[in-house]
Amino acid sequence: MPVTIRVLGGFAVEADGRTLVADPVPRRSAAALLKLLALSPGRRLHRERVLDALWPDVDPAEAAPRLHKAAHYARRTLGLPEGVVVRGDVVALLPDADVRTDLAAFEEAADVALARGDAEAARAAAALCPGDLLPGDLYEPWADDARQRVAVKRAAVLRLGECWEELVRLDATDEEAQAALVARHLAAGDPAAALR
C-alpha cells in the first residue's frame, strides 16, 4: 500500500486515496511523534533521540512510558497496528510501507534545479512546496533544522525561478525581489504599482 506523508503547508498521511491522519491530530504526543518520525531519515530514530526531542526535561525512565503511550495513540490515529513500531532501541513510522513524502520530493527537485541553474525546474520545484514546513508546529525545536533547510531551499528556488511576488510574500525585506518587482511594473508601464 503506497503511503504519502505531507509536511509542507500542513500535515497529513494518506493511503489508497484516503486521509488516515490530518491536522489537528487529537493527541498532542501522538501528533508530535508522527511528525518527528516523518522528518527523520528513513522515518526512524533511535529511542533516546525521540525521548530527548519530545520530552527534553523529563528523566528517560519517566519519558519511556510516555513514548509507548504516544506510539499507541499514533497507531490508533493511523488505524494501522504496525504504523509506529518501537522495537529495541529504534522507533519507526510505517517501516514496512512504500512511503513517499512531499518533503523528499521538494528537496530532490530543488537540489536538481539549483545544481543545474535551471529556472524552469526551479519554478516546478517551488510549486512542490505550497507552504511552510509543519505550520502548526512553528515553535517545536525538533522541527527547527528541517524548517530552516526547507526555508533556505524554497527561497533559493524562488530566486532562481524569478518568482519575485512569492519571495516578497515570504520576506518583505528582500531587496532583490522588491527591486525586480519594481522593474517589472515599470517595464509594464505601471508606475503606480511600482511605487506600491
N, C-alpha and C. Protein backbone atom coordinates (compact mmCIF):
# COMPACT_ATOMS: atom_id res chain seq x y z
N MET A 1 0.85 -1.17 0.00
CA MET A 1 0.00 0.00 0.00
C MET A 1 0.89 1.24 0.00
N PRO A 2 0.84 2.07 -1.06
CA PRO A 2 1.62 3.30 -1.07
C PRO A 2 1.03 4.33 -0.11
N VAL A 3 1.91 4.98 0.63
CA VAL A 3 1.50 5.98 1.62
C VAL A 3 2.20 7.29 1.28
N THR A 4 1.48 8.39 1.39
CA THR A 4 2.05 9.72 1.17
C THR A 4 1.97 10.48 2.48
N ILE A 5 3.10 11.06 2.87
CA ILE A 5 3.14 11.91 4.07
C ILE A 5 3.39 13.33 3.61
N ARG A 6 2.53 14.23 4.03
CA ARG A 6 2.67 15.65 3.69
C ARG A 6 3.03 16.43 4.95
N VAL A 7 4.11 17.22 4.83
CA VAL A 7 4.53 18.06 5.95
C VAL A 7 4.69 19.52 5.51
N LEU A 8 4.54 19.80 4.21
CA LEU A 8 4.69 21.16 3.69
C LEU A 8 3.31 21.80 3.55
N GLY A 9 3.11 22.89 4.28
CA GLY A 9 1.82 23.57 4.25
C GLY A 9 0.79 22.96 5.18
N GLY A 10 1.13 21.91 5.86
CA GLY A 10 0.22 21.22 6.77
C GLY A 10 0.69 19.79 6.93
N PHE A 11 -0.01 19.03 7.76
CA PHE A 11 0.38 17.64 8.00
C PHE A 11 -0.76 16.72 7.63
N ALA A 12 -0.42 15.67 6.88
CA ALA A 12 -1.41 14.64 6.55
C ALA A 12 -0.68 13.36 6.17
N VAL A 13 -1.34 12.24 6.44
CA VAL A 13 -0.87 10.94 5.99
C VAL A 13 -2.02 10.35 5.19
N GLU A 14 -1.70 9.96 3.93
CA GLU A 14 -2.73 9.46 3.03
C GLU A 14 -2.33 8.10 2.48
N ALA A 15 -3.32 7.24 2.29
CA ALA A 15 -3.08 5.92 1.70
C ALA A 15 -4.31 5.52 0.89
N ASP A 16 -4.05 4.96 -0.27
CA ASP A 16 -5.14 4.48 -1.14
C ASP A 16 -6.22 5.54 -1.36
N GLY A 17 -5.79 6.79 -1.54
CA GLY A 17 -6.74 7.85 -1.83
C GLY A 17 -7.55 8.35 -0.66
N ARG A 18 -7.23 7.90 0.53
CA ARG A 18 -7.97 8.39 1.70
C ARG A 18 -7.00 8.94 2.74
N THR A 19 -7.46 9.90 3.49
CA THR A 19 -6.64 10.52 4.52
C THR A 19 -6.73 9.70 5.80
N LEU A 20 -5.57 9.23 6.26
CA LEU A 20 -5.51 8.49 7.51
C LEU A 20 -5.39 9.44 8.69
N VAL A 21 -4.60 10.49 8.51
CA VAL A 21 -4.33 11.45 9.58
C VAL A 21 -4.22 12.84 8.95
N ALA A 22 -4.75 13.83 9.64
CA ALA A 22 -4.58 15.22 9.23
C ALA A 22 -4.61 16.09 10.47
N ASP A 23 -3.97 17.25 10.37
CA ASP A 23 -4.01 18.19 11.49
C ASP A 23 -5.43 18.70 11.67
N PRO A 24 -5.86 18.92 12.87
CA PRO A 24 -5.17 18.64 14.12
C PRO A 24 -5.32 17.18 14.53
N VAL A 25 -4.22 16.59 14.95
CA VAL A 25 -4.23 15.22 15.46
C VAL A 25 -4.71 15.29 16.91
N PRO A 26 -5.67 14.46 17.30
CA PRO A 26 -6.29 14.59 18.63
C PRO A 26 -5.31 14.60 19.81
N ARG A 27 -4.36 13.72 19.83
CA ARG A 27 -3.42 13.65 20.95
C ARG A 27 -2.12 14.34 20.58
N ARG A 28 -1.73 15.31 21.36
CA ARG A 28 -0.53 16.10 21.07
C ARG A 28 0.73 15.24 21.00
N SER A 29 0.88 14.31 21.93
CA SER A 29 2.09 13.48 21.94
C SER A 29 2.13 12.55 20.73
N ALA A 30 0.98 12.02 20.32
CA ALA A 30 0.93 11.17 19.13
C ALA A 30 1.25 11.99 17.89
N ALA A 31 0.71 13.20 17.81
CA ALA A 31 0.98 14.07 16.68
C ALA A 31 2.47 14.39 16.59
N ALA A 32 3.06 14.75 17.72
CA ALA A 32 4.49 15.10 17.73
C ALA A 32 5.34 13.90 17.32
N LEU A 33 4.99 12.70 17.79
CA LEU A 33 5.75 11.51 17.43
C LEU A 33 5.65 11.23 15.93
N LEU A 34 4.44 11.30 15.38
CA LEU A 34 4.26 11.07 13.94
C LEU A 34 5.06 12.07 13.12
N LYS A 35 5.00 13.32 13.49
CA LYS A 35 5.68 14.37 12.73
C LYS A 35 7.20 14.27 12.86
N LEU A 36 7.67 14.02 14.06
CA LEU A 36 9.12 13.86 14.28
C LEU A 36 9.66 12.72 13.42
N LEU A 37 8.97 11.58 13.42
CA LEU A 37 9.42 10.44 12.63
C LEU A 37 9.30 10.71 11.13
N ALA A 38 8.28 11.45 10.73
CA ALA A 38 8.11 11.79 9.30
C ALA A 38 9.28 12.64 8.80
N LEU A 39 9.87 13.45 9.68
CA LEU A 39 11.00 14.31 9.30
C LEU A 39 12.34 13.59 9.37
N SER A 40 12.37 12.43 9.99
CA SER A 40 13.62 11.72 10.23
C SER A 40 14.02 10.88 9.02
N PRO A 41 15.33 10.75 8.76
CA PRO A 41 15.79 9.91 7.65
C PRO A 41 15.28 8.48 7.79
N GLY A 42 14.65 7.99 6.75
CA GLY A 42 14.12 6.64 6.80
C GLY A 42 12.93 6.47 7.73
N ARG A 43 12.41 7.59 8.23
CA ARG A 43 11.28 7.60 9.17
C ARG A 43 11.56 6.77 10.41
N ARG A 44 12.81 6.81 10.86
CA ARG A 44 13.18 6.06 12.07
C ARG A 44 14.21 6.87 12.86
N LEU A 45 14.15 6.69 14.17
CA LEU A 45 15.08 7.37 15.08
C LEU A 45 15.41 6.44 16.24
N HIS A 46 16.57 6.66 16.78
CA HIS A 46 16.95 5.94 18.00
C HIS A 46 16.02 6.40 19.11
N ARG A 47 15.63 5.47 19.92
CA ARG A 47 14.69 5.72 21.02
C ARG A 47 15.12 6.90 21.90
N GLU A 48 16.41 6.97 22.25
CA GLU A 48 16.90 8.06 23.11
C GLU A 48 16.73 9.43 22.45
N ARG A 49 16.91 9.46 21.13
CA ARG A 49 16.74 10.73 20.41
C ARG A 49 15.27 11.16 20.43
N VAL A 50 14.36 10.20 20.31
CA VAL A 50 12.94 10.52 20.37
C VAL A 50 12.59 11.06 21.75
N LEU A 51 13.06 10.37 22.79
CA LEU A 51 12.78 10.82 24.16
C LEU A 51 13.33 12.22 24.39
N ASP A 52 14.55 12.46 23.92
CA ASP A 52 15.17 13.77 24.12
C ASP A 52 14.45 14.87 23.33
N ALA A 53 13.97 14.54 22.13
CA ALA A 53 13.30 15.54 21.30
C ALA A 53 11.91 15.89 21.84
N LEU A 54 11.17 14.89 22.27
CA LEU A 54 9.79 15.12 22.68
C LEU A 54 9.62 15.44 24.16
N TRP A 55 10.50 14.91 24.98
CA TRP A 55 10.40 15.15 26.42
C TRP A 55 11.78 15.53 26.97
N PRO A 56 12.33 16.65 26.54
CA PRO A 56 13.71 17.00 26.88
C PRO A 56 13.95 17.24 28.38
N ASP A 57 12.94 17.65 29.09
CA ASP A 57 13.11 17.98 30.51
C ASP A 57 12.64 16.86 31.43
N VAL A 58 12.38 15.69 30.86
CA VAL A 58 11.86 14.57 31.65
C VAL A 58 12.92 13.49 31.72
N ASP A 59 13.09 12.91 32.90
CA ASP A 59 14.04 11.81 33.08
C ASP A 59 13.68 10.68 32.12
N PRO A 60 14.67 10.07 31.46
CA PRO A 60 14.39 9.00 30.49
C PRO A 60 13.53 7.86 31.05
N ALA A 61 13.71 7.53 32.30
CA ALA A 61 12.89 6.46 32.90
C ALA A 61 11.42 6.86 32.95
N GLU A 62 11.16 8.15 33.14
CA GLU A 62 9.79 8.65 33.16
C GLU A 62 9.26 8.86 31.75
N ALA A 63 10.14 9.22 30.82
CA ALA A 63 9.72 9.50 29.45
C ALA A 63 9.40 8.23 28.67
N ALA A 64 10.04 7.11 28.99
CA ALA A 64 9.83 5.87 28.24
C ALA A 64 8.36 5.45 28.19
N PRO A 65 7.63 5.45 29.32
CA PRO A 65 6.20 5.10 29.22
C PRO A 65 5.41 6.10 28.36
N ARG A 66 5.84 7.35 28.36
CA ARG A 66 5.17 8.35 27.53
C ARG A 66 5.35 8.02 26.05
N LEU A 67 6.54 7.54 25.71
CA LEU A 67 6.80 7.14 24.33
C LEU A 67 5.86 5.99 23.92
N HIS A 68 5.74 5.00 24.77
CA HIS A 68 4.88 3.85 24.44
C HIS A 68 3.42 4.28 24.33
N LYS A 69 3.00 5.20 25.18
CA LYS A 69 1.63 5.71 25.12
C LYS A 69 1.42 6.52 23.84
N ALA A 70 2.39 7.37 23.49
CA ALA A 70 2.28 8.17 22.26
C ALA A 70 2.25 7.25 21.04
N ALA A 71 3.08 6.20 21.05
CA ALA A 71 3.10 5.24 19.93
C ALA A 71 1.75 4.53 19.81
N HIS A 72 1.17 4.16 20.95
CA HIS A 72 -0.13 3.50 20.95
C HIS A 72 -1.18 4.40 20.29
N TYR A 73 -1.23 5.67 20.72
CA TYR A 73 -2.22 6.59 20.16
C TYR A 73 -1.91 6.95 18.71
N ALA A 74 -0.66 6.96 18.34
CA ALA A 74 -0.30 7.21 16.94
C ALA A 74 -0.79 6.05 16.06
N ARG A 75 -0.62 4.82 16.52
CA ARG A 75 -1.12 3.66 15.78
C ARG A 75 -2.64 3.73 15.64
N ARG A 76 -3.32 4.09 16.72
CA ARG A 76 -4.79 4.21 16.67
C ARG A 76 -5.20 5.31 15.70
N THR A 77 -4.48 6.42 15.73
CA THR A 77 -4.80 7.53 14.83
C THR A 77 -4.62 7.11 13.38
N LEU A 78 -3.52 6.41 13.09
CA LEU A 78 -3.28 5.93 11.73
C LEU A 78 -4.24 4.82 11.33
N GLY A 79 -4.72 4.07 12.32
CA GLY A 79 -5.57 2.93 12.03
C GLY A 79 -4.77 1.75 11.52
N LEU A 80 -3.47 1.74 11.83
CA LEU A 80 -2.58 0.67 11.37
C LEU A 80 -1.81 0.10 12.56
N PRO A 81 -1.97 -1.18 12.88
CA PRO A 81 -1.29 -1.75 14.04
C PRO A 81 0.23 -1.69 13.95
N GLU A 82 0.78 -1.68 12.74
CA GLU A 82 2.23 -1.58 12.57
C GLU A 82 2.64 -0.19 12.08
N GLY A 83 1.80 0.81 12.33
CA GLY A 83 2.08 2.17 11.87
C GLY A 83 3.26 2.79 12.57
N VAL A 84 3.36 2.62 13.87
CA VAL A 84 4.51 3.10 14.64
C VAL A 84 5.03 1.90 15.43
N VAL A 85 6.28 1.57 15.19
CA VAL A 85 6.88 0.39 15.81
C VAL A 85 8.01 0.82 16.73
N VAL A 86 7.94 0.37 17.98
CA VAL A 86 9.02 0.59 18.94
C VAL A 86 9.63 -0.78 19.18
N ARG A 87 10.81 -0.97 18.60
CA ARG A 87 11.44 -2.28 18.70
C ARG A 87 12.90 -2.07 19.09
N GLY A 88 13.28 -2.60 20.25
CA GLY A 88 14.64 -2.41 20.73
C GLY A 88 14.92 -0.94 20.95
N ASP A 89 15.95 -0.44 20.34
CA ASP A 89 16.33 0.96 20.50
C ASP A 89 15.85 1.85 19.36
N VAL A 90 14.98 1.33 18.49
CA VAL A 90 14.55 2.09 17.31
C VAL A 90 13.05 2.30 17.34
N VAL A 91 12.66 3.52 16.96
CA VAL A 91 11.25 3.86 16.79
C VAL A 91 11.07 4.18 15.32
N ALA A 92 10.10 3.53 14.67
CA ALA A 92 9.93 3.69 13.22
C ALA A 92 8.48 3.98 12.87
N LEU A 93 8.30 4.79 11.85
CA LEU A 93 6.99 5.12 11.30
C LEU A 93 6.80 4.36 9.99
N LEU A 94 5.76 3.56 9.93
CA LEU A 94 5.41 2.80 8.72
C LEU A 94 6.62 2.08 8.13
N PRO A 95 7.30 1.25 8.93
CA PRO A 95 8.55 0.64 8.47
C PRO A 95 8.39 -0.31 7.28
N ASP A 96 7.22 -0.90 7.10
CA ASP A 96 7.03 -1.87 6.02
C ASP A 96 6.23 -1.31 4.85
N ALA A 97 5.95 -0.03 4.87
CA ALA A 97 5.12 0.57 3.81
C ALA A 97 5.99 1.24 2.75
N ASP A 98 5.42 1.40 1.57
CA ASP A 98 6.04 2.17 0.49
C ASP A 98 5.62 3.62 0.73
N VAL A 99 6.53 4.42 1.30
CA VAL A 99 6.19 5.77 1.73
C VAL A 99 6.89 6.81 0.86
N ARG A 100 6.10 7.82 0.47
CA ARG A 100 6.64 8.98 -0.24
C ARG A 100 6.29 10.21 0.59
N THR A 101 7.21 11.15 0.63
CA THR A 101 6.92 12.39 1.37
C THR A 101 7.04 13.58 0.43
N ASP A 102 6.19 14.57 0.67
CA ASP A 102 6.28 15.78 -0.14
C ASP A 102 7.60 16.50 0.14
N LEU A 103 8.13 16.35 1.34
CA LEU A 103 9.41 16.97 1.69
C LEU A 103 10.53 16.41 0.83
N ALA A 104 10.61 15.10 0.71
CA ALA A 104 11.66 14.48 -0.11
C ALA A 104 11.51 14.87 -1.57
N ALA A 105 10.28 14.90 -2.08
CA ALA A 105 10.05 15.28 -3.48
C ALA A 105 10.50 16.72 -3.72
N PHE A 106 10.15 17.63 -2.80
CA PHE A 106 10.56 19.02 -2.95
C PHE A 106 12.07 19.16 -2.89
N GLU A 107 12.70 18.56 -1.88
CA GLU A 107 14.15 18.71 -1.73
C GLU A 107 14.91 18.14 -2.92
N GLU A 108 14.46 17.00 -3.43
CA GLU A 108 15.12 16.40 -4.59
C GLU A 108 14.99 17.31 -5.81
N ALA A 109 13.78 17.80 -6.07
CA ALA A 109 13.56 18.70 -7.21
C ALA A 109 14.34 20.00 -7.05
N ALA A 110 14.38 20.54 -5.83
CA ALA A 110 15.12 21.78 -5.58
C ALA A 110 16.61 21.57 -5.79
N ASP A 111 17.14 20.47 -5.28
CA ASP A 111 18.57 20.19 -5.44
C ASP A 111 18.96 20.08 -6.91
N VAL A 112 18.13 19.40 -7.70
CA VAL A 112 18.40 19.24 -9.13
C VAL A 112 18.35 20.60 -9.83
N ALA A 113 17.30 21.38 -9.56
CA ALA A 113 17.16 22.69 -10.20
C ALA A 113 18.32 23.62 -9.85
N LEU A 114 18.70 23.63 -8.58
CA LEU A 114 19.79 24.51 -8.15
C LEU A 114 21.13 24.06 -8.72
N ALA A 115 21.36 22.76 -8.79
CA ALA A 115 22.62 22.25 -9.34
C ALA A 115 22.74 22.59 -10.82
N ARG A 116 21.63 22.55 -11.54
CA ARG A 116 21.65 22.84 -12.98
C ARG A 116 21.53 24.33 -13.28
N GLY A 117 21.06 25.10 -12.29
CA GLY A 117 20.79 26.52 -12.54
C GLY A 117 19.62 26.71 -13.49
N ASP A 118 18.65 25.80 -13.43
CA ASP A 118 17.53 25.74 -14.35
C ASP A 118 16.32 26.47 -13.76
N ALA A 119 15.98 27.63 -14.34
CA ALA A 119 14.88 28.46 -13.82
C ALA A 119 13.53 27.74 -13.92
N GLU A 120 13.30 27.05 -15.04
CA GLU A 120 12.03 26.33 -15.22
C GLU A 120 11.89 25.23 -14.17
N ALA A 121 12.96 24.47 -13.95
CA ALA A 121 12.94 23.41 -12.94
C ALA A 121 12.78 24.01 -11.55
N ALA A 122 13.34 25.20 -11.33
CA ALA A 122 13.20 25.87 -10.03
C ALA A 122 11.75 26.25 -9.77
N ARG A 123 11.06 26.74 -10.79
CA ARG A 123 9.64 27.07 -10.62
C ARG A 123 8.82 25.80 -10.34
N ALA A 124 9.17 24.70 -11.02
CA ALA A 124 8.48 23.44 -10.77
C ALA A 124 8.74 22.95 -9.35
N ALA A 125 9.98 23.09 -8.88
CA ALA A 125 10.31 22.70 -7.51
C ALA A 125 9.55 23.57 -6.51
N ALA A 126 9.49 24.86 -6.77
CA ALA A 126 8.79 25.78 -5.87
C ALA A 126 7.32 25.39 -5.74
N ALA A 127 6.73 24.91 -6.83
CA ALA A 127 5.32 24.50 -6.81
C ALA A 127 5.10 23.29 -5.90
N LEU A 128 6.15 22.53 -5.64
CA LEU A 128 6.04 21.36 -4.76
C LEU A 128 6.06 21.74 -3.28
N CYS A 129 6.30 23.02 -3.00
CA CYS A 129 6.36 23.49 -1.60
C CYS A 129 5.26 24.54 -1.40
N PRO A 130 4.04 24.09 -1.10
CA PRO A 130 2.92 25.02 -1.01
C PRO A 130 2.88 25.86 0.26
N GLY A 131 3.78 25.62 1.19
CA GLY A 131 3.78 26.40 2.42
C GLY A 131 4.92 25.99 3.33
N ASP A 132 4.91 26.57 4.51
CA ASP A 132 5.95 26.28 5.50
C ASP A 132 5.89 24.83 5.94
N LEU A 133 7.00 24.35 6.44
CA LEU A 133 7.06 23.01 7.00
C LEU A 133 6.31 22.99 8.32
N LEU A 134 5.35 22.10 8.44
CA LEU A 134 4.55 21.92 9.65
C LEU A 134 4.16 23.27 10.28
N PRO A 135 3.34 24.05 9.59
CA PRO A 135 2.99 25.38 10.09
C PRO A 135 2.28 25.37 11.44
N GLY A 136 1.69 24.25 11.81
CA GLY A 136 1.04 24.15 13.13
C GLY A 136 2.00 23.87 14.26
N ASP A 137 3.28 23.68 13.92
CA ASP A 137 4.29 23.35 14.91
C ASP A 137 5.48 24.30 14.82
N LEU A 138 5.20 25.57 14.63
CA LEU A 138 6.27 26.54 14.39
C LEU A 138 7.26 26.67 15.54
N TYR A 139 6.84 26.36 16.75
CA TYR A 139 7.72 26.59 17.90
C TYR A 139 8.26 25.29 18.49
N GLU A 140 8.17 24.21 17.73
CA GLU A 140 8.70 22.94 18.20
C GLU A 140 10.17 22.83 17.82
N PRO A 141 11.07 22.75 18.79
CA PRO A 141 12.50 22.71 18.48
C PRO A 141 12.92 21.50 17.65
N TRP A 142 12.20 20.39 17.74
CA TRP A 142 12.57 19.20 16.98
C TRP A 142 12.37 19.40 15.47
N ALA A 143 11.64 20.43 15.07
CA ALA A 143 11.42 20.69 13.64
C ALA A 143 12.31 21.81 13.11
N ASP A 144 13.09 22.45 13.97
CA ASP A 144 13.87 23.63 13.57
C ASP A 144 14.84 23.37 12.42
N ASP A 145 15.62 22.31 12.49
CA ASP A 145 16.62 22.05 11.44
C ASP A 145 15.95 21.84 10.08
N ALA A 146 14.94 21.01 10.05
CA ALA A 146 14.24 20.75 8.78
C ALA A 146 13.55 22.01 8.29
N ARG A 147 12.94 22.78 9.20
CA ARG A 147 12.26 24.02 8.80
C ARG A 147 13.24 25.01 8.18
N GLN A 148 14.41 25.15 8.79
CA GLN A 148 15.42 26.07 8.26
C GLN A 148 15.92 25.60 6.89
N ARG A 149 16.15 24.31 6.76
CA ARG A 149 16.63 23.74 5.49
C ARG A 149 15.61 23.99 4.38
N VAL A 150 14.33 23.77 4.67
CA VAL A 150 13.27 23.98 3.68
C VAL A 150 13.17 25.46 3.31
N ALA A 151 13.24 26.33 4.32
CA ALA A 151 13.13 27.77 4.05
C ALA A 151 14.25 28.25 3.13
N VAL A 152 15.46 27.78 3.36
CA VAL A 152 16.61 28.19 2.54
C VAL A 152 16.44 27.68 1.11
N LYS A 153 16.07 26.41 0.95
CA LYS A 153 15.88 25.84 -0.40
C LYS A 153 14.72 26.50 -1.11
N ARG A 154 13.65 26.76 -0.38
CA ARG A 154 12.48 27.40 -1.00
C ARG A 154 12.84 28.78 -1.52
N ALA A 155 13.53 29.56 -0.71
CA ALA A 155 13.94 30.90 -1.15
C ALA A 155 14.89 30.81 -2.35
N ALA A 156 15.78 29.83 -2.34
CA ALA A 156 16.75 29.69 -3.44
C ALA A 156 16.06 29.34 -4.75
N VAL A 157 15.09 28.43 -4.73
CA VAL A 157 14.41 28.08 -5.98
C VAL A 157 13.50 29.21 -6.44
N LEU A 158 12.88 29.92 -5.51
CA LEU A 158 12.06 31.06 -5.89
C LEU A 158 12.92 32.15 -6.54
N ARG A 159 14.11 32.36 -6.00
CA ARG A 159 15.02 33.37 -6.57
C ARG A 159 15.48 32.94 -7.96
N LEU A 160 15.90 31.68 -8.10
CA LEU A 160 16.35 31.18 -9.39
C LEU A 160 15.23 31.22 -10.42
N GLY A 161 14.02 30.89 -9.99
CA GLY A 161 12.86 30.90 -10.88
C GLY A 161 12.26 32.28 -11.08
N GLU A 162 12.85 33.28 -10.46
CA GLU A 162 12.39 34.68 -10.53
C GLU A 162 10.92 34.81 -10.13
N CYS A 163 10.56 34.11 -9.07
CA CYS A 163 9.21 34.17 -8.50
C CYS A 163 9.20 35.28 -7.45
N TRP A 164 9.32 36.50 -7.91
CA TRP A 164 9.54 37.64 -7.01
C TRP A 164 8.38 37.89 -6.07
N GLU A 165 7.14 37.76 -6.56
CA GLU A 165 5.98 38.01 -5.70
C GLU A 165 5.98 37.06 -4.51
N GLU A 166 6.27 35.79 -4.78
CA GLU A 166 6.29 34.80 -3.69
C GLU A 166 7.42 35.09 -2.71
N LEU A 167 8.56 35.50 -3.23
CA LEU A 167 9.68 35.85 -2.34
C LEU A 167 9.32 37.02 -1.44
N VAL A 168 8.63 38.01 -1.99
CA VAL A 168 8.22 39.17 -1.18
C VAL A 168 7.18 38.76 -0.15
N ARG A 169 6.30 37.81 -0.51
CA ARG A 169 5.33 37.31 0.49
C ARG A 169 6.05 36.61 1.64
N LEU A 170 7.14 35.90 1.32
CA LEU A 170 7.90 35.21 2.36
C LEU A 170 8.74 36.18 3.19
N ASP A 171 9.31 37.19 2.50
CA ASP A 171 10.19 38.13 3.19
C ASP A 171 10.06 39.50 2.53
N ALA A 172 9.26 40.36 3.13
CA ALA A 172 9.01 41.68 2.58
C ALA A 172 10.27 42.54 2.52
N THR A 173 11.31 42.16 3.24
CA THR A 173 12.55 42.95 3.24
C THR A 173 13.56 42.46 2.21
N ASP A 174 13.18 41.52 1.35
CA ASP A 174 14.09 41.00 0.33
C ASP A 174 14.28 42.08 -0.74
N GLU A 175 15.42 42.75 -0.70
CA GLU A 175 15.66 43.89 -1.59
C GLU A 175 15.71 43.49 -3.06
N GLU A 176 16.36 42.37 -3.37
CA GLU A 176 16.45 41.93 -4.76
C GLU A 176 15.06 41.67 -5.34
N ALA A 177 14.21 41.01 -4.57
CA ALA A 177 12.86 40.71 -5.04
C ALA A 177 12.05 41.99 -5.20
N GLN A 178 12.17 42.90 -4.25
CA GLN A 178 11.44 44.17 -4.35
C GLN A 178 11.89 44.96 -5.58
N ALA A 179 13.22 45.02 -5.80
CA ALA A 179 13.75 45.76 -6.96
C ALA A 179 13.28 45.12 -8.27
N ALA A 180 13.26 43.80 -8.32
CA ALA A 180 12.81 43.11 -9.53
C ALA A 180 11.33 43.38 -9.80
N LEU A 181 10.51 43.43 -8.75
CA LEU A 181 9.09 43.74 -8.93
C LEU A 181 8.90 45.17 -9.41
N VAL A 182 9.66 46.10 -8.85
CA VAL A 182 9.58 47.49 -9.29
C VAL A 182 9.94 47.58 -10.78
N ALA A 183 11.03 46.93 -11.16
CA ALA A 183 11.47 46.95 -12.57
C ALA A 183 10.40 46.32 -13.48
N ARG A 184 9.79 45.23 -13.02
CA ARG A 184 8.75 44.57 -13.82
C ARG A 184 7.56 45.48 -14.02
N HIS A 185 7.12 46.17 -12.96
CA HIS A 185 5.97 47.08 -13.07
C HIS A 185 6.30 48.28 -13.96
N LEU A 186 7.49 48.80 -13.83
CA LEU A 186 7.89 49.94 -14.68
C LEU A 186 7.95 49.51 -16.15
N ALA A 187 8.48 48.32 -16.43
CA ALA A 187 8.55 47.82 -17.80
C ALA A 187 7.16 47.60 -18.38
N ALA A 188 6.20 47.28 -17.52
CA ALA A 188 4.82 47.08 -17.97
C ALA A 188 4.07 48.39 -18.06
N GLY A 189 4.75 49.51 -17.74
CA GLY A 189 4.10 50.82 -17.82
C GLY A 189 3.14 51.10 -16.68
N ASP A 190 3.42 50.54 -15.51
CA ASP A 190 2.54 50.73 -14.33
C ASP A 190 3.35 51.34 -13.19
N PRO A 191 3.60 52.66 -13.25
CA PRO A 191 4.41 53.29 -12.21
C PRO A 191 3.71 53.29 -10.83
N ALA A 192 2.38 53.28 -10.81
CA ALA A 192 1.67 53.25 -9.52
C ALA A 192 1.95 51.93 -8.80
N ALA A 193 1.93 50.83 -9.53
CA ALA A 193 2.24 49.54 -8.93
C ALA A 193 3.69 49.49 -8.49
N ALA A 194 4.57 50.10 -9.27
CA ALA A 194 6.00 50.15 -8.92
C ALA A 194 6.20 50.91 -7.61
N LEU A 195 5.48 52.00 -7.42
CA LEU A 195 5.58 52.78 -6.18
C LEU A 195 5.07 51.99 -4.98
N ARG A 196 3.99 51.23 -5.19
CA ARG A 196 3.46 50.40 -4.09
C ARG A 196 4.48 49.39 -3.67
